[in-house]
Amino acid sequence: MSIITLFGFIAFITTLIGLFPQIVKAVHTRSTKDLSLLMLMNYLICSLAWVIYGIYTRENYVILSNVLGLMSNVVLIILKYHYDKVN
């Protein structure tokens, strides 16, 4: 395994698990008041840009990790909308 592949794998794993603790906390506390919608939108745009880049360059690590990041981010945005509306 080359060093570049290793860094790609590290980026894949950290992107994959990056938002998971926040999702768990939001569901557990039923609150997203401490989450910035601007940050979530920024992360959404960033992940989308990386997916487009990954498709263009045919980099599977980039595509897969950022599609999963996009999905996690969408879950957080939905939770934020729901919990902010309820609370």
PDB file of N, CA and C in Angstrom:
ATOM      1  N   MET A   1       0.853  -1.176   0.000  1.00  0.00           N
ATOM      2  CA  MET A   1       0.000   0.000   0.000  1.00  0.00           C
ATOM      3  C   MET A   1       0.899   1.238   0.000  1.00  0.00           C
ATOM      4  N   SER A   2       0.647   2.125  -0.942  1.00  0.00           N
ATOM      5  CA  SER A   2       1.441   3.347  -1.016  1.00  0.00           C
ATOM      6  C   SER A   2       0.980   4.336   0.050  1.00  0.00           C
ATOM      7  N   ILE A   3       1.817   5.309   0.334  1.00  0.00           N
ATOM      8  CA  ILE A   3       1.494   6.331   1.341  1.00  0.00           C
ATOM      9  C   ILE A   3       0.274   7.146   0.897  1.00  0.00           C
ATOM     10  N   ILE A   4       0.154   7.382  -0.395  1.00  0.00           N
ATOM     11  CA  ILE A   4      -0.990   8.140  -0.912  1.00  0.00           C
ATOM     12  C   ILE A   4      -2.285   7.348  -0.714  1.00  0.00           C
ATOM     13  N   THR A   5      -2.237   6.044  -0.964  1.00  0.00           N
ATOM     14  CA  THR A   5      -3.407   5.197  -0.734  1.00  0.00           C
ATOM     15  C   THR A   5      -3.767   5.175   0.741  1.00  0.00           C
ATOM     16  N   LEU A   6      -2.755   5.133   1.599  1.00  0.00           N
ATOM     17  CA  LEU A   6      -2.989   5.155   3.042  1.00  0.00           C
ATOM     18  C   LEU A   6      -3.696   6.444   3.460  1.00  0.00           C
ATOM     19  N   PHE A   7      -3.219   7.573   2.951  1.00  0.00           N
ATOM     20  CA  PHE A   7      -3.873   8.844   3.265  1.00  0.00           C
ATOM     21  C   PHE A   7      -5.302   8.882   2.714  1.00  0.00           C
ATOM     22  N   GLY A   8      -5.523   8.303   1.553  1.00  0.00           N
ATOM     23  CA  GLY A   8      -6.876   8.214   1.006  1.00  0.00           C
ATOM     24  C   GLY A   8      -7.781   7.391   1.905  1.00  0.00           C
ATOM     25  N   PHE A   9      -7.256   6.291   2.432  1.00  0.00           N
ATOM     26  CA  PHE A   9      -8.030   5.444   3.333  1.00  0.00           C
ATOM     27  C   PHE A   9      -8.332   6.176   4.637  1.00  0.00           C
ATOM     28  N   ILE A  10      -7.347   6.900   5.171  1.00  0.00           N
ATOM     29  CA  ILE A  10      -7.557   7.682   6.400  1.00  0.00           C
ATOM     30  C   ILE A  10      -8.634   8.745   6.167  1.00  0.00           C
ATOM     31  N   ALA A  11      -8.567   9.425   5.036  1.00  0.00           N
ATOM     32  CA  ALA A  11      -9.582  10.435   4.708  1.00  0.00           C
ATOM     33  C   ALA A  11     -10.957   9.789   4.590  1.00  0.00           C
ATOM     34  N   PHE A  12     -11.008   8.612   3.991  1.00  0.00           N
ATOM     35  CA  PHE A  12     -12.265   7.880   3.847  1.00  0.00           C
ATOM     36  C   PHE A  12     -12.874   7.572   5.212  1.00  0.00           C
ATOM     37  N   ILE A  13     -12.084   7.021   6.116  1.00  0.00           N
ATOM     38  CA  ILE A  13     -12.575   6.627   7.440  1.00  0.00           C
ATOM     39  C   ILE A  13     -13.006   7.850   8.251  1.00  0.00           C
ATOM     40  N   THR A  14     -12.180   8.904   8.269  1.00  0.00           N
ATOM     41  CA  THR A  14     -12.525  10.074   9.079  1.00  0.00           C
ATOM     42  C   THR A  14     -13.752  10.801   8.538  1.00  0.00           C
ATOM     43  N   THR A  15     -13.905  10.832   7.225  1.00  0.00           N
ATOM     44  CA  THR A  15     -15.107  11.437   6.654  1.00  0.00           C
ATOM     45  C   THR A  15     -16.329  10.589   6.970  1.00  0.00           C
ATOM     46  N   LEU A  16     -16.158   9.285   6.907  1.00  0.00           N
ATOM     47  CA  LEU A  16     -17.252   8.361   7.174  1.00  0.00           C
ATOM     48  C   LEU A  16     -17.789   8.512   8.590  1.00  0.00           C
ATOM     49  N   ILE A  17     -16.895   8.619   9.572  1.00  0.00           N
ATOM     50  CA  ILE A  17     -17.337   8.677  10.970  1.00  0.00           C
ATOM     51  C   ILE A  17     -17.433  10.096  11.509  1.00  0.00           C
ATOM     52  N   GLY A  18     -17.093  11.087  10.695  1.00  0.00           N
ATOM     53  CA  GLY A  18     -17.020  12.466  11.159  1.00  0.00           C
ATOM     54  C   GLY A  18     -18.274  13.016  11.804  1.00  0.00           C
ATOM     55  N   LEU A  19     -19.410  12.818  11.205  1.00  0.00           N
ATOM     56  CA  LEU A  19     -20.657  13.386  11.721  1.00  0.00           C
ATOM     57  C   LEU A  19     -21.471  12.403  12.551  1.00  0.00           C
ATOM     58  N   PHE A  20     -21.057  11.144  12.585  1.00  0.00           N
ATOM     59  CA  PHE A  20     -21.821  10.130  13.308  1.00  0.00           C
ATOM     60  C   PHE A  20     -22.027  10.476  14.785  1.00  0.00           C
ATOM     61  N   PRO A  21     -20.991  10.911  15.526  1.00  0.00           N
ATOM     62  CA  PRO A  21     -21.227  11.265  16.932  1.00  0.00           C
ATOM     63  C   PRO A  21     -22.238  12.402  17.099  1.00  0.00           C
ATOM     64  N   GLN A  22     -22.246  13.340  16.172  1.00  0.00           N
ATOM     65  CA  GLN A  22     -23.199  14.451  16.251  1.00  0.00           C
ATOM     66  C   GLN A  22     -24.625  13.971  16.003  1.00  0.00           C
ATOM     67  N   ILE A  23     -24.783  13.033  15.081  1.00  0.00           N
ATOM     68  CA  ILE A  23     -26.107  12.463  14.826  1.00  0.00           C
ATOM     69  C   ILE A  23     -26.607  11.731  16.064  1.00  0.00           C
ATOM     70  N   VAL A  24     -25.738  10.930  16.670  1.00  0.00           N
ATOM     71  CA  VAL A  24     -26.109  10.187  17.879  1.00  0.00           C
ATOM     72  C   VAL A  24     -26.508  11.148  18.991  1.00  0.00           C
ATOM     73  N   LYS A  25     -25.731  12.213  19.182  1.00  0.00           N
ATOM     74  CA  LYS A  25     -26.036  13.191  20.230  1.00  0.00           C
ATOM     75  C   LYS A  25     -27.371  13.886  19.957  1.00  0.00           C
ATOM     76  N   ALA A  26     -27.594  14.275  18.713  1.00  0.00           N
ATOM     77  CA  ALA A  26     -28.839  14.967  18.365  1.00  0.00           C
ATOM     78  C   ALA A  26     -30.052  14.079  18.618  1.00  0.00           C
ATOM     79  N   VAL A  27     -29.959  12.817  18.246  1.00  0.00           N
ATOM     80  CA  VAL A  27     -31.079  11.893  18.461  1.00  0.00           C
ATOM     81  C   VAL A  27     -31.269  11.631  19.949  1.00  0.00           C
ATOM     82  N   HIS A  28     -30.165  11.451  20.664  1.00  0.00           N
ATOM     83  CA  HIS A  28     -30.242  11.155  22.100  1.00  0.00           C
ATOM     84  C   HIS A  28     -30.828  12.326  22.896  1.00  0.00           C
ATOM     85  N   THR A  29     -30.368  13.547  22.600  1.00  0.00           N
ATOM     86  CA  THR A  29     -30.828  14.724  23.345  1.00  0.00           C
ATOM     87  C   THR A  29     -32.093  15.342  22.746  1.00  0.00           C
ATOM     88  N   ARG A  30     -32.448  14.907  21.545  1.00  0.00           N
ATOM     89  CA  ARG A  30     -33.582  15.476  20.812  1.00  0.00           C
ATOM     90  C   ARG A  30     -33.451  16.995  20.655  1.00  0.00           C
ATOM     91  N   SER A  31     -32.200  17.402  20.410  1.00  0.00           N
ATOM     92  CA  SER A  31     -31.931  18.830  20.259  1.00  0.00           C
ATOM     93  C   SER A  31     -30.789  19.043  19.271  1.00  0.00           C
ATOM     94  N   THR A  32     -30.939  20.072  18.458  1.00  0.00           N
ATOM     95  CA  THR A  32     -29.877  20.478  17.533  1.00  0.00           C
ATOM     96  C   THR A  32     -29.617  21.976  17.653  1.00  0.00           C
ATOM     97  N   LYS A  33     -30.031  22.554  18.775  1.00  0.00           N
ATOM     98  CA  LYS A  33     -29.921  24.009  18.929  1.00  0.00           C
ATOM     99  C   LYS A  33     -28.476  24.497  18.869  1.00  0.00           C
ATOM    100  N   ASP A  34     -27.517  23.641  19.204  1.00  0.00           N
ATOM    101  CA  ASP A  34     -26.112  24.043  19.172  1.00  0.00           C
ATOM    102  C   ASP A  34     -25.468  23.844  17.804  1.00  0.00           C
ATOM    103  N   LEU A  35     -26.211  23.325  16.850  1.00  0.00           N
ATOM    104  CA  LEU A  35     -25.672  23.123  15.508  1.00  0.00           C
ATOM    105  C   LEU A  35     -25.929  24.352  14.649  1.00  0.00           C
ATOM    106  N   SER A  36     -24.910  24.765  13.942  1.00  0.00           N
ATOM    107  CA  SER A  36     -25.034  25.895  13.034  1.00  0.00           C
ATOM    108  C   SER A  36     -25.526  25.410  11.671  1.00  0.00           C
ATOM    109  N   LEU A  37     -26.637  25.961  11.209  1.00  0.00           N
ATOM    110  CA  LEU A  37     -27.143  25.610   9.885  1.00  0.00           C
ATOM    111  C   LEU A  37     -26.148  26.038   8.809  1.00  0.00           C
ATOM    112  N   LEU A  38     -25.466  27.154   9.022  1.00  0.00           N
ATOM    113  CA  LEU A  38     -24.456  27.612   8.074  1.00  0.00           C
ATOM    114  C   LEU A  38     -23.332  26.586   7.936  1.00  0.00           C
ATOM    115  N   MET A  39     -22.893  26.010   9.056  1.00  0.00           N
ATOM    116  CA  MET A  39     -21.857  24.985   9.025  1.00  0.00           C
ATOM    117  C   MET A  39     -22.359  23.752   8.277  1.00  0.00           C
ATOM    118  N   LEU A  40     -23.592  23.350   8.538  1.00  0.00           N
ATOM    119  CA  LEU A  40     -24.143  22.179   7.861  1.00  0.00           C
ATOM    120  C   LEU A  40     -24.264  22.411   6.355  1.00  0.00           C
ATOM    121  N   MET A  41     -24.691  23.594   5.962  1.00  0.00           N
ATOM    122  CA  MET A  41     -24.804  23.912   4.539  1.00  0.00           C
ATOM    123  C   MET A  41     -23.425  23.952   3.882  1.00  0.00           C
ATOM    124  N   ASN A  42     -22.445  24.506   4.594  1.00  0.00           N
ATOM    125  CA  ASN A  42     -21.081  24.540   4.079  1.00  0.00           C
ATOM    126  C   ASN A  42     -20.550  23.122   3.869  1.00  0.00           C
ATOM    127  N   TYR A  43     -20.774  22.255   4.839  1.00  0.00           N
ATOM    128  CA  TYR A  43     -20.327  20.869   4.734  1.00  0.00           C
ATOM    129  C   TYR A  43     -21.042  20.160   3.585  1.00  0.00           C
ATOM    130  N   LEU A  44     -22.309  20.457   3.400  1.00  0.00           N
ATOM    131  CA  LEU A  44     -23.078  19.872   2.306  1.00  0.00           C
ATOM    132  C   LEU A  44     -22.487  20.267   0.953  1.00  0.00           C
ATOM    133  N   ILE A  45     -22.216  21.544   0.777  1.00  0.00           N
ATOM    134  CA  ILE A  45     -21.632  22.039  -0.475  1.00  0.00           C
ATOM    135  C   ILE A  45     -20.244  21.449  -0.690  1.00  0.00           C
ATOM    136  N   CYS A  46     -19.453  21.389   0.369  1.00  0.00           N
ATOM    137  CA  CYS A  46     -18.102  20.831   0.283  1.00  0.00           C
ATOM    138  C   CYS A  46     -18.148  19.360  -0.131  1.00  0.00           C
ATOM    139  N   SER A  47     -18.997  18.580   0.511  1.00  0.00           N
ATOM    140  CA  SER A  47     -19.107  17.158   0.174  1.00  0.00           C
ATOM    141  C   SER A  47     -19.596  16.964  -1.255  1.00  0.00           C
ATOM    142  N   LEU A  48     -20.557  17.773  -1.661  1.00  0.00           N
ATOM    143  CA  LEU A  48     -21.068  17.683  -3.023  1.00  0.00           C
ATOM    144  C   LEU A  48     -19.967  17.999  -4.041  1.00  0.00           C
ATOM    145  N   ALA A  49     -19.180  19.018  -3.756  1.00  0.00           N
ATOM    146  CA  ALA A  49     -18.069  19.367  -4.645  1.00  0.00           C
ATOM    147  C   ALA A  49     -17.052  18.228  -4.730  1.00  0.00           C
ATOM    148  N   TRP A  50     -16.767  17.589  -3.589  1.00  0.00           N
ATOM    149  CA  TRP A  50     -15.835  16.454  -3.588  1.00  0.00           C
ATOM    150  C   TRP A  50     -16.398  15.273  -4.363  1.00  0.00           C
ATOM    151  N   VAL A  51     -17.695  15.036  -4.274  1.00  0.00           N
ATOM    152  CA  VAL A  51     -18.312  13.946  -5.041  1.00  0.00           C
ATOM    153  C   VAL A  51     -18.157  14.219  -6.538  1.00  0.00           C
ATOM    154  N   ILE A  52     -18.441  15.435  -6.946  1.00  0.00           N
ATOM    155  CA  ILE A  52     -18.296  15.799  -8.359  1.00  0.00           C
ATOM    156  C   ILE A  52     -16.848  15.637  -8.798  1.00  0.00           C
ATOM    157  N   TYR A  53     -15.917  16.092  -7.975  1.00  0.00           N
ATOM    158  CA  TYR A  53     -14.495  15.934  -8.278  1.00  0.00           C
ATOM    159  C   TYR A  53     -14.129  14.451  -8.385  1.00  0.00           C
ATOM    160  N   GLY A  54     -14.605  13.649  -7.426  1.00  0.00           N
ATOM    161  CA  GLY A  54     -14.309  12.220  -7.435  1.00  0.00           C
ATOM    162  C   GLY A  54     -14.852  11.521  -8.667  1.00  0.00           C
ATOM    163  N   ILE A  55     -16.043  11.904  -9.093  1.00  0.00           N
ATOM    164  CA  ILE A  55     -16.619  11.325 -10.309  1.00  0.00           C
ATOM    165  C   ILE A  55     -15.773  11.706 -11.515  1.00  0.00           C
ATOM    166  N   TYR A  56     -15.391  12.966 -11.584  1.00  0.00           N
ATOM    167  CA  TYR A  56     -14.597  13.456 -12.711  1.00  0.00           C
ATOM    168  C   TYR A  56     -13.237  12.766 -12.784  1.00  0.00           C
ATOM    169  N   THR A  57     -12.598  12.556 -11.623  1.00  0.00           N
ATOM    170  CA  THR A  57     -11.259  11.945 -11.589  1.00  0.00           C
ATOM    171  C   THR A  57     -11.303  10.432 -11.393  1.00  0.00           C
ATOM    172  N   ARG A  58     -12.511   9.896 -11.211  1.00  0.00           N
ATOM    173  CA  ARG A  58     -12.713   8.453 -11.002  1.00  0.00           C
ATOM    174  C   ARG A  58     -11.961   7.929  -9.778  1.00  0.00           C
ATOM    175  N   GLU A  59     -12.021   8.704  -8.702  1.00  0.00           N
ATOM    176  CA  GLU A  59     -11.399   8.327  -7.431  1.00  0.00           C
ATOM    177  C   GLU A  59     -12.475   7.754  -6.515  1.00  0.00           C
ATOM    178  N   ASN A  60     -12.487   6.442  -6.383  1.00  0.00           N
ATOM    179  CA  ASN A  60     -13.546   5.784  -5.618  1.00  0.00           C
ATOM    180  C   ASN A  60     -13.561   6.166  -4.146  1.00  0.00           C
ATOM    181  N   TYR A  61     -12.375   6.328  -3.521  1.00  0.00           N
ATOM    182  CA  TYR A  61     -12.332   6.748  -2.114  1.00  0.00           C
ATOM    183  C   TYR A  61     -13.022   8.096  -1.940  1.00  0.00           C
ATOM    184  N   VAL A  62     -12.735   9.011  -2.841  1.00  0.00           N
ATOM    185  CA  VAL A  62     -13.306  10.357  -2.759  1.00  0.00           C
ATOM    186  C   VAL A  62     -14.820  10.294  -2.944  1.00  0.00           C
ATOM    187  N   ILE A  63     -15.257   9.541  -3.918  1.00  0.00           N
ATOM    188  CA  ILE A  63     -16.693   9.438  -4.186  1.00  0.00           C
ATOM    189  C   ILE A  63     -17.429   8.814  -3.005  1.00  0.00           C
ATOM    190  N   LEU A  64     -16.992   7.633  -2.596  1.00  0.00           N
ATOM    191  CA  LEU A  64     -17.710   6.896  -1.559  1.00  0.00           C
ATOM    192  C   LEU A  64     -17.726   7.636  -0.226  1.00  0.00           C
ATOM    193  N   SER A  65     -16.573   8.130   0.205  1.00  0.00           N
ATOM    194  CA  SER A  65     -16.534   8.797   1.510  1.00  0.00           C
ATOM    195  C   SER A  65     -17.399  10.044   1.521  1.00  0.00           C
ATOM    196  N   ASN A  66     -17.414  10.770   0.431  1.00  0.00           N
ATOM    197  CA  ASN A  66     -18.190  12.005   0.413  1.00  0.00           C
ATOM    198  C   ASN A  66     -19.669  11.781   0.147  1.00  0.00           C
ATOM    199  N   VAL A  67     -20.036  10.708  -0.527  1.00  0.00           N
ATOM    200  CA  VAL A  67     -21.454  10.357  -0.632  1.00  0.00           C
ATOM    201  C   VAL A  67     -21.978  10.011   0.757  1.00  0.00           C
ATOM    202  N   LEU A  68     -21.195   9.246   1.518  1.00  0.00           N
ATOM    203  CA  LEU A  68     -21.598   8.918   2.886  1.00  0.00           C
ATOM    204  C   LEU A  68     -21.619  10.171   3.760  1.00  0.00           C
ATOM    205  N   GLY A  69     -20.654  11.068   3.549  1.00  0.00           N
ATOM    206  CA  GLY A  69     -20.653  12.344   4.262  1.00  0.00           C
ATOM    207  C   GLY A  69     -21.870  13.183   3.917  1.00  0.00           C
ATOM    208  N   LEU A  70     -22.240  13.186   2.642  1.00  0.00           N
ATOM    209  CA  LEU A  70     -23.452  13.895   2.208  1.00  0.00           C
ATOM    210  C   LEU A  70     -24.689  13.336   2.899  1.00  0.00           C
ATOM    211  N   MET A  71     -24.783  12.019   2.942  1.00  0.00           N
ATOM    212  CA  MET A  71     -25.945  11.391   3.574  1.00  0.00           C
ATOM    213  C   MET A  71     -26.007  11.724   5.059  1.00  0.00           C
ATOM    214  N   SER A  72     -24.872  11.682   5.742  1.00  0.00           N
ATOM    215  CA  SER A  72     -24.831  12.037   7.167  1.00  0.00           C
ATOM    216  C   SER A  72     -25.248  13.480   7.369  1.00  0.00           C
ATOM    217  N   ASN A  73     -24.766  14.339   6.501  1.00  0.00           N
ATOM    218  CA  ASN A  73     -25.080  15.753   6.607  1.00  0.00           C
ATOM    219  C   ASN A  73     -26.563  16.011   6.359  1.00  0.00           C
ATOM    220  N   VAL A  74     -27.137  15.333   5.380  1.00  0.00           N
ATOM    221  CA  VAL A  74     -28.570  15.479   5.107  1.00  0.00           C
ATOM    222  C   VAL A  74     -29.384  15.017   6.312  1.00  0.00           C
ATOM    223  N   VAL A  75     -28.960  13.923   6.942  1.00  0.00           N
ATOM    224  CA  VAL A  75     -29.643  13.454   8.155  1.00  0.00           C
ATOM    225  C   VAL A  75     -29.608  14.542   9.219  1.00  0.00           C
ATOM    226  N   LEU A  76     -28.450  15.171   9.422  1.00  0.00           N
ATOM    227  CA  LEU A  76     -28.343  16.237  10.428  1.00  0.00           C
ATOM    228  C   LEU A  76     -29.215  17.439  10.073  1.00  0.00           C
ATOM    229  N   ILE A  77     -29.271  17.795   8.809  1.00  0.00           N
ATOM    230  CA  ILE A  77     -30.114  18.925   8.399  1.00  0.00           C
ATOM    231  C   ILE A  77     -31.587  18.603   8.656  1.00  0.00           C
ATOM    232  N   ILE A  78     -32.001  17.385   8.354  1.00  0.00           N
ATOM    233  CA  ILE A  78     -33.383  16.969   8.626  1.00  0.00           C
ATOM    234  C   ILE A  78     -33.658  16.991  10.124  1.00  0.00           C
ATOM    235  N   LEU A  79     -32.719  16.463  10.919  1.00  0.00           N
ATOM    236  CA  LEU A  79     -32.885  16.486  12.374  1.00  0.00           C
ATOM    237  C   LEU A  79     -32.959  17.918  12.888  1.00  0.00           C
ATOM    238  N   LYS A  80     -32.113  18.794  12.357  1.00  0.00           N
ATOM    239  CA  LYS A  80     -32.124  20.195  12.793  1.00  0.00           C
ATOM    240  C   LYS A  80     -33.476  20.824  12.480  1.00  0.00           C
ATOM    241  N   TYR A  81     -33.958  20.620  11.271  1.00  0.00           N
ATOM    242  CA  TYR A  81     -35.257  21.172  10.891  1.00  0.00           C
ATOM    243  C   TYR A  81     -36.353  20.636  11.819  1.00  0.00           C
ATOM    244  N   HIS A  82     -36.341  19.336  12.051  1.00  0.00           N
ATOM    245  CA  HIS A  82     -37.375  18.706  12.880  1.00  0.00           C
ATOM    246  C   HIS A  82     -37.304  19.178  14.329  1.00  0.00           C
ATOM    247  N   TYR A  83     -36.127  19.088  14.951  1.00  0.00           N
ATOM    248  CA  TYR A  83     -36.014  19.428  16.371  1.00  0.00           C
ATOM    249  C   TYR A  83     -36.169  20.921  16.623  1.00  0.00           C
ATOM    250  N   ASP A  84     -35.697  21.761  15.704  1.00  0.00           N
ATOM    251  CA  ASP A  84     -35.894  23.205  15.876  1.00  0.00           C
ATOM    252  C   ASP A  84     -37.378  23.559  15.767  1.00  0.00           C
ATOM    253  N   LYS A  85     -38.100  22.840  14.914  1.00  0.00           N
ATOM    254  CA  LYS A  85     -39.538  23.073  14.747  1.00  0.00           C
ATOM    255  C   LYS A  85     -40.312  22.593  15.977  1.00  0.00           C
ATOM    256  N   VAL A  86     -39.927  21.436  16.500  1.00  0.00           N
ATOM    257  CA  VAL A  86     -40.612  20.852  17.659  1.00  0.00           C
ATOM    258  C   VAL A  86     -40.314  21.639  18.928  1.00  0.00           C
ATOM    259  N   ASN A  87     -39.065  22.015  19.101  1.00  0.00           N
ATOM    260  CA  ASN A  87     -38.660  22.719  20.326  1.00  0.00           C
ATOM    261  C   ASN A  87     -38.904  24.191  20.154  1.00  0.00           C
TER     262      ASN A  87
END
